[in-house]
Amino acid sequence: TAARGATDRPPSLDDSAPSLPQMFETPVPTLEPAAAEASSSETSFADLNEPAGPRPQLPALPPPHALEPTPPPRPPTPAAADGSAVTPRLPTAAGFELTPPVRRFVDDWLRAQETHDAPLFSALGFRELPTELVGSFNTRDTYRLVAADVDEERSTPDLVYLRLVVSYAFRDDTGRFRTEDEERVILRSTNGILRFEGRWQQ
């Protein structure tokens, strides 16, 4: 019969084992709904590299300020040959209308008194240090010539009647003061060089 015939048929490989493709296929597990939600909630590394929001705008830098020019350095104070500072300028007869011999005498007369140079003062013809002015020879300084003129009516080719007005400072036991005095001197000319001869009055 048919049933007997089927029983008597020897078993084949197809009946006892699954096919080869089915044996090597890897089953793909299906995610449960809860696991799927957990997986979707995890943050990937790519998400960590992305900013959480818009980056804040940095404040704009102020425009560069123009640099002010550096003032030139002040010139150093000139020094004398020995390295010390230059002394103040000596008083002179500059600016007064005087002949060259008279101007030379007045310049030497002012310099001798300003620097307390007794030998120079004596070389001008004075027999002693001046006593007509206030103070002493060594305490008077900062001379300034106020007036200088020659009395042409009294003067001769050999004698010059000269009037001088000087301002100067002097010191005494009470302090330092400034005053002004008038000098009237007679100068004798010898080979164009003037020397003190005496004094005259108006």
C-alpha atoms as a PDB file:
ATOM      1  CA  THR A   1       0.000   0.000   0.000  1.00  0.00           C
ATOM      2  CA  ALA A   2       0.905   3.726  -0.171  1.00  0.00           C
ATOM      3  CA  ALA A   3       1.568   3.931   3.570  1.00  0.00           C
ATOM      4  CA  ARG A   4       3.735   0.902   3.552  1.00  0.00           C
ATOM      5  CA  GLY A   5       5.613   2.150   0.558  1.00  0.00           C
ATOM      6  CA  ALA A   6       6.326   5.384   2.301  1.00  0.00           C
ATOM      7  CA  THR A   7       7.566   3.549   5.369  1.00  0.00           C
ATOM      8  CA  ASP A   8       9.752   1.255   3.419  1.00  0.00           C
ATOM      9  CA  ARG A   9      11.499   4.218   1.568  1.00  0.00           C
ATOM     10  CA  PRO A  10      14.930   4.785   3.012  1.00  0.00           C
ATOM     11  CA  PRO A  11      15.360   8.148   4.681  1.00  0.00           C
ATOM     12  CA  SER A  12      17.113  10.859   2.728  1.00  0.00           C
ATOM     13  CA  LEU A  13      19.376  13.754   3.802  1.00  0.00           C
ATOM     14  CA  ASP A  14      16.642  16.201   2.994  1.00  0.00           C
ATOM     15  CA  ASP A  15      14.329  14.707   5.521  1.00  0.00           C
ATOM     16  CA  SER A  16      16.709  14.543   8.532  1.00  0.00           C
ATOM     17  CA  ALA A  17      18.564  18.024   8.499  1.00  0.00           C
ATOM     18  CA  PRO A  18      17.831  21.546   7.510  1.00  0.00           C
ATOM     19  CA  SER A  19      19.212  22.905   4.323  1.00  0.00           C
ATOM     20  CA  LEU A  20      22.765  24.336   4.257  1.00  0.00           C
ATOM     21  CA  PRO A  21      21.702  27.964   3.834  1.00  0.00           C
ATOM     22  CA  GLN A  22      19.537  27.703   6.892  1.00  0.00           C
ATOM     23  CA  MET A  23      22.409  26.249   8.991  1.00  0.00           C
ATOM     24  CA  PHE A  24      24.797  29.195   8.344  1.00  0.00           C
ATOM     25  CA  GLU A  25      22.374  32.031   8.712  1.00  0.00           C
ATOM     26  CA  THR A  26      22.904  34.115  11.933  1.00  0.00           C
ATOM     27  CA  PRO A  27      19.700  34.890  13.679  1.00  0.00           C
ATOM     28  CA  VAL A  28      19.119  38.639  14.200  1.00  0.00           C
ATOM     29  CA  PRO A  29      17.725  39.295  17.638  1.00  0.00           C
ATOM     30  CA  THR A  30      14.799  41.584  17.785  1.00  0.00           C
ATOM     31  CA  LEU A  31      14.941  44.450  20.304  1.00  0.00           C
ATOM     32  CA  GLU A  32      12.298  44.693  22.891  1.00  0.00           C
ATOM     33  CA  PRO A  33      10.432  48.013  23.027  1.00  0.00           C
ATOM     34  CA  ALA A  34      12.108  49.009  26.320  1.00  0.00           C
ATOM     35  CA  ALA A  35      15.612  48.208  24.975  1.00  0.00           C
ATOM     36  CA  ALA A  36      14.908  50.176  21.798  1.00  0.00           C
ATOM     37  CA  GLU A  37      13.905  53.231  23.792  1.00  0.00           C
ATOM     38  CA  ALA A  38      17.068  52.968  25.954  1.00  0.00           C
ATOM     39  CA  SER A  39      19.217  52.667  22.873  1.00  0.00           C
ATOM     40  CA  SER A  40      17.642  55.689  21.256  1.00  0.00           C
ATOM     41  CA  SER A  41      18.150  57.749  24.434  1.00  0.00           C
ATOM     42  CA  GLU A  42      21.912  57.163  24.534  1.00  0.00           C
ATOM     43  CA  THR A  43      24.098  60.018  23.189  1.00  0.00           C
ATOM     44  CA  SER A  44      26.591  59.127  20.519  1.00  0.00           C
ATOM     45  CA  PHE A  45      30.116  60.468  20.372  1.00  0.00           C
ATOM     46  CA  ALA A  46      29.141  62.497  17.345  1.00  0.00           C
ATOM     47  CA  ASP A  47      26.478  64.226  19.427  1.00  0.00           C
ATOM     48  CA  LEU A  48      29.092  65.144  22.089  1.00  0.00           C
ATOM     49  CA  ASN A  49      31.146  66.995  19.491  1.00  0.00           C
ATOM     50  CA  GLU A  50      28.237  69.161  18.471  1.00  0.00           C
ATOM     51  CA  PRO A  51      27.618  72.385  20.463  1.00  0.00           C
ATOM     52  CA  ALA A  52      24.666  72.342  22.758  1.00  0.00           C
ATOM     53  CA  GLY A  53      23.482  75.683  21.426  1.00  0.00           C
ATOM     54  CA  PRO A  54      24.615  78.701  19.422  1.00  0.00           C
ATOM     55  CA  ARG A  55      28.072  79.958  20.400  1.00  0.00           C
ATOM     56  CA  PRO A  56      28.115  83.307  22.251  1.00  0.00           C
ATOM     57  CA  GLN A  57      29.375  86.245  20.226  1.00  0.00           C
ATOM     58  CA  LEU A  58      32.679  87.629  21.511  1.00  0.00           C
ATOM     59  CA  PRO A  59      32.775  91.396  22.021  1.00  0.00           C
ATOM     60  CA  ALA A  60      34.444  93.254  19.214  1.00  0.00           C
ATOM     61  CA  LEU A  61      37.955  94.510  19.924  1.00  0.00           C
ATOM     62  CA  PRO A  62      38.289  98.299  20.198  1.00  0.00           C
ATOM     63  CA  PRO A  63      40.090 100.004  17.335  1.00  0.00           C
ATOM     64  CA  PRO A  64      43.811 100.462  17.946  1.00  0.00           C
ATOM     65  CA  HIS A  65      44.726 103.826  19.371  1.00  0.00           C
ATOM     66  CA  ALA A  66      47.208 105.910  17.469  1.00  0.00           C
ATOM     67  CA  LEU A  67      50.442 106.172  19.384  1.00  0.00           C
ATOM     68  CA  GLU A  68      51.318 109.679  20.440  1.00  0.00           C
ATOM     69  CA  PRO A  69      54.691 110.816  19.142  1.00  0.00           C
ATOM     70  CA  THR A  70      57.416 110.626  21.718  1.00  0.00           C
ATOM     71  CA  PRO A  71      58.761 114.095  22.495  1.00  0.00           C
ATOM     72  CA  PRO A  72      62.376 114.534  21.568  1.00  0.00           C
ATOM     73  CA  PRO A  73      64.774 114.227  24.482  1.00  0.00           C
ATOM     74  CA  ARG A  74      65.851 117.416  26.075  1.00  0.00           C
ATOM     75  CA  PRO A  75      69.388 118.433  25.204  1.00  0.00           C
ATOM     76  CA  PRO A  76      71.823 117.864  28.070  1.00  0.00           C
ATOM     77  CA  THR A  77      73.173 120.805  29.986  1.00  0.00           C
ATOM     78  CA  PRO A  78      76.492 121.771  28.459  1.00  0.00           C
ATOM     79  CA  ALA A  79      79.453 121.089  30.667  1.00  0.00           C
ATOM     80  CA  ALA A  80      82.682 122.900  31.109  1.00  0.00           C
ATOM     81  CA  ALA A  81      86.050 121.379  30.297  1.00  0.00           C
ATOM     82  CA  ASP A  82      86.395 119.976  33.805  1.00  0.00           C
ATOM     83  CA  GLY A  83      82.975 118.296  33.598  1.00  0.00           C
ATOM     84  CA  SER A  84      81.115 120.758  35.824  1.00  0.00           C
ATOM     85  CA  ALA A  85      78.028 122.645  34.719  1.00  0.00           C
ATOM     86  CA  VAL A  86      78.557 125.869  32.830  1.00  0.00           C
ATOM     87  CA  THR A  87      78.425 128.916  35.086  1.00  0.00           C
ATOM     88  CA  PRO A  88      75.855 131.638  34.386  1.00  0.00           C
ATOM     89  CA  ARG A  89      76.807 134.211  31.792  1.00  0.00           C
ATOM     90  CA  LEU A  90      78.817 137.120  33.070  1.00  0.00           C
ATOM     91  CA  PRO A  91      77.376 140.636  32.913  1.00  0.00           C
ATOM     92  CA  THR A  92      78.542 142.721  29.970  1.00  0.00           C
ATOM     93  CA  ALA A  93      77.958 146.118  28.375  1.00  0.00           C
ATOM     94  CA  ALA A  94      76.192 144.555  25.390  1.00  0.00           C
ATOM     95  CA  GLY A  95      73.344 146.724  24.124  1.00  0.00           C
ATOM     96  CA  PHE A  96      74.896 150.048  25.130  1.00  0.00           C
ATOM     97  CA  GLU A  97      76.332 152.497  22.609  1.00  0.00           C
ATOM     98  CA  LEU A  98      79.953 152.654  23.708  1.00  0.00           C
ATOM     99  CA  THR A  99      83.226 152.843  21.829  1.00  0.00           C
ATOM    100  CA  PRO A 100      85.259 149.609  21.750  1.00  0.00           C
ATOM    101  CA  PRO A 101      87.829 150.804  24.360  1.00  0.00           C
ATOM    102  CA  VAL A 102      85.084 151.921  26.760  1.00  0.00           C
ATOM    103  CA  ARG A 103      83.108 148.696  26.218  1.00  0.00           C
ATOM    104  CA  ARG A 104      86.199 146.600  26.920  1.00  0.00           C
ATOM    105  CA  PHE A 105      86.862 148.491  30.168  1.00  0.00           C
ATOM    106  CA  VAL A 106      83.251 148.120  31.353  1.00  0.00           C
ATOM    107  CA  ASP A 107      83.207 144.389  30.531  1.00  0.00           C
ATOM    108  CA  ASP A 108      86.400 143.815  32.526  1.00  0.00           C
ATOM    109  CA  TRP A 109      85.126 145.974  35.392  1.00  0.00           C
ATOM    110  CA  LEU A 110      81.879 143.969  35.634  1.00  0.00           C
ATOM    111  CA  ARG A 111      83.668 140.623  35.334  1.00  0.00           C
ATOM    112  CA  ALA A 112      86.209 141.490  38.035  1.00  0.00           C
ATOM    113  CA  GLN A 113      83.467 142.347  40.504  1.00  0.00           C
ATOM    114  CA  GLU A 114      81.160 139.458  39.571  1.00  0.00           C
ATOM    115  CA  THR A 115      83.937 136.865  39.963  1.00  0.00           C
ATOM    116  CA  HIS A 116      85.680 138.659  42.855  1.00  0.00           C
ATOM    117  CA  ASP A 117      88.855 138.841  40.783  1.00  0.00           C
ATOM    118  CA  ALA A 118      90.995 141.281  42.758  1.00  0.00           C
ATOM    119  CA  PRO A 119      94.063 141.070  40.434  1.00  0.00           C
ATOM    120  CA  LEU A 120      91.929 141.945  37.396  1.00  0.00           C
ATOM    121  CA  PHE A 121      90.315 144.804  39.284  1.00  0.00           C
ATOM    122  CA  SER A 122      93.751 146.172  40.185  1.00  0.00           C
ATOM    123  CA  ALA A 123      94.925 145.790  36.572  1.00  0.00           C
ATOM    124  CA  LEU A 124      92.186 148.231  35.546  1.00  0.00           C
ATOM    125  CA  GLY A 125      93.978 150.936  37.542  1.00  0.00           C
ATOM    126  CA  PHE A 126      92.135 150.734  40.850  1.00  0.00           C
ATOM    127  CA  ARG A 127      94.492 151.051  43.808  1.00  0.00           C
ATOM    128  CA  GLU A 128      92.098 149.308  46.220  1.00  0.00           C
ATOM    129  CA  LEU A 129      88.977 147.215  46.106  1.00  0.00           C
ATOM    130  CA  PRO A 130      85.757 149.188  45.717  1.00  0.00           C
ATOM    131  CA  THR A 131      84.256 150.484  48.929  1.00  0.00           C
ATOM    132  CA  GLU A 132      81.630 152.790  47.429  1.00  0.00           C
ATOM    133  CA  LEU A 133      79.088 150.006  46.900  1.00  0.00           C
ATOM    134  CA  VAL A 134      77.001 148.365  49.619  1.00  0.00           C
ATOM    135  CA  GLY A 135      78.420 145.222  51.156  1.00  0.00           C
ATOM    136  CA  SER A 136      81.904 143.905  50.585  1.00  0.00           C
ATOM    137  CA  PHE A 137      83.796 142.908  47.456  1.00  0.00           C
ATOM    138  CA  ASN A 138      83.376 139.197  48.179  1.00  0.00           C
ATOM    139  CA  THR A 139      79.664 139.317  49.064  1.00  0.00           C
ATOM    140  CA  ARG A 140      78.383 141.205  46.012  1.00  0.00           C
ATOM    141  CA  ASP A 141      77.256 139.252  42.947  1.00  0.00           C
ATOM    142  CA  THR A 142      74.705 138.996  40.115  1.00  0.00           C
ATOM    143  CA  TYR A 143      75.692 142.342  38.656  1.00  0.00           C
ATOM    144  CA  ARG A 144      73.597 143.823  35.881  1.00  0.00           C
ATOM    145  CA  LEU A 145      74.468 146.974  33.963  1.00  0.00           C
ATOM    146  CA  VAL A 146      71.515 149.353  33.988  1.00  0.00           C
ATOM    147  CA  ALA A 147      73.014 152.421  32.321  1.00  0.00           C
ATOM    148  CA  ALA A 148      76.310 153.433  30.726  1.00  0.00           C
ATOM    149  CA  ASP A 149      77.062 156.715  28.984  1.00  0.00           C
ATOM    150  CA  VAL A 150      79.965 159.056  28.354  1.00  0.00           C
ATOM    151  CA  ASP A 151      79.832 162.768  29.149  1.00  0.00           C
ATOM    152  CA  GLU A 152      81.021 164.107  25.825  1.00  0.00           C
ATOM    153  CA  GLU A 153      81.317 167.693  27.075  1.00  0.00           C
ATOM    154  CA  ARG A 154      83.793 166.793  29.792  1.00  0.00           C
ATOM    155  CA  SER A 155      85.695 164.124  27.904  1.00  0.00           C
ATOM    156  CA  THR A 156      88.926 164.825  26.007  1.00  0.00           C
ATOM    157  CA  PRO A 157      91.049 162.684  23.685  1.00  0.00           C
ATOM    158  CA  ASP A 158      93.004 161.458  26.726  1.00  0.00           C
ATOM    159  CA  LEU A 159      90.283 161.385  29.394  1.00  0.00           C
ATOM    160  CA  VAL A 160      86.864 159.742  29.360  1.00  0.00           C
ATOM    161  CA  TYR A 161      84.177 160.768  31.840  1.00  0.00           C
ATOM    162  CA  LEU A 162      82.032 157.688  32.233  1.00  0.00           C
ATOM    163  CA  ARG A 163      78.813 157.224  34.198  1.00  0.00           C
ATOM    164  CA  LEU A 164      77.717 153.700  35.153  1.00  0.00           C
ATOM    165  CA  VAL A 165      74.589 152.490  36.932  1.00  0.00           C
ATOM    166  CA  VAL A 166      74.724 148.914  38.174  1.00  0.00           C
ATOM    167  CA  SER A 167      72.271 146.633  39.945  1.00  0.00           C
ATOM    168  CA  TYR A 168      73.671 143.929  42.192  1.00  0.00           C
ATOM    169  CA  ALA A 169      72.902 141.725  45.172  1.00  0.00           C
ATOM    170  CA  PHE A 170      74.779 141.696  48.454  1.00  0.00           C
ATOM    171  CA  ARG A 171      74.694 139.726  51.695  1.00  0.00           C
ATOM    172  CA  ASP A 172      75.068 140.825  55.278  1.00  0.00           C
ATOM    173  CA  ASP A 173      74.224 139.475  58.728  1.00  0.00           C
ATOM    174  CA  THR A 174      70.489 140.023  58.194  1.00  0.00           C
ATOM    175  CA  GLY A 175      70.102 138.375  54.795  1.00  0.00           C
ATOM    176  CA  ARG A 176      70.506 138.918  51.067  1.00  0.00           C
ATOM    177  CA  PHE A 177      69.324 142.090  49.336  1.00  0.00           C
ATOM    178  CA  ARG A 178      69.414 143.746  45.935  1.00  0.00           C
ATOM    179  CA  THR A 179      70.219 147.373  45.326  1.00  0.00           C
ATOM    180  CA  GLU A 180      71.361 149.803  42.642  1.00  0.00           C
ATOM    181  CA  ASP A 181      74.220 152.306  42.631  1.00  0.00           C
ATOM    182  CA  GLU A 182      75.778 154.866  40.334  1.00  0.00           C
ATOM    183  CA  GLU A 183      79.498 155.070  39.567  1.00  0.00           C
ATOM    184  CA  ARG A 184      81.208 158.113  37.957  1.00  0.00           C
ATOM    185  CA  VAL A 185      84.754 157.317  36.907  1.00  0.00           C
ATOM    186  CA  ILE A 186      87.442 159.120  34.918  1.00  0.00           C
ATOM    187  CA  LEU A 187      89.434 156.897  32.553  1.00  0.00           C
ATOM    188  CA  ARG A 188      92.787 157.759  31.039  1.00  0.00           C
ATOM    189  CA  SER A 189      93.626 156.464  27.579  1.00  0.00           C
ATOM    190  CA  THR A 190      97.146 155.100  27.059  1.00  0.00           C
ATOM    191  CA  ASN A 191      97.831 153.596  23.635  1.00  0.00           C
ATOM    192  CA  GLY A 192      94.090 152.984  23.235  1.00  0.00           C
ATOM    193  CA  ILE A 193      93.764 151.193  26.604  1.00  0.00           C
ATOM    194  CA  LEU A 194      91.663 152.829  29.322  1.00  0.00           C
ATOM    195  CA  ARG A 195      92.655 152.785  32.969  1.00  0.00           C
ATOM    196  CA  PHE A 196      90.988 154.208  36.047  1.00  0.00           C
ATOM    197  CA  GLU A 197      92.197 157.745  36.832  1.00  0.00           C
ATOM    198  CA  GLY A 198      89.766 159.068  39.420  1.00  0.00           C
ATOM    199  CA  ARG A 199      86.143 159.978  40.101  1.00  0.00           C
ATOM    200  CA  TRP A 200      84.025 162.919  39.146  1.00  0.00           C
ATOM    201  CA  GLN A 201      80.770 164.498  40.296  1.00  0.00           C
ATOM    202  CA  GLN A 202      77.919 166.126  38.438  1.00  0.00           C
END
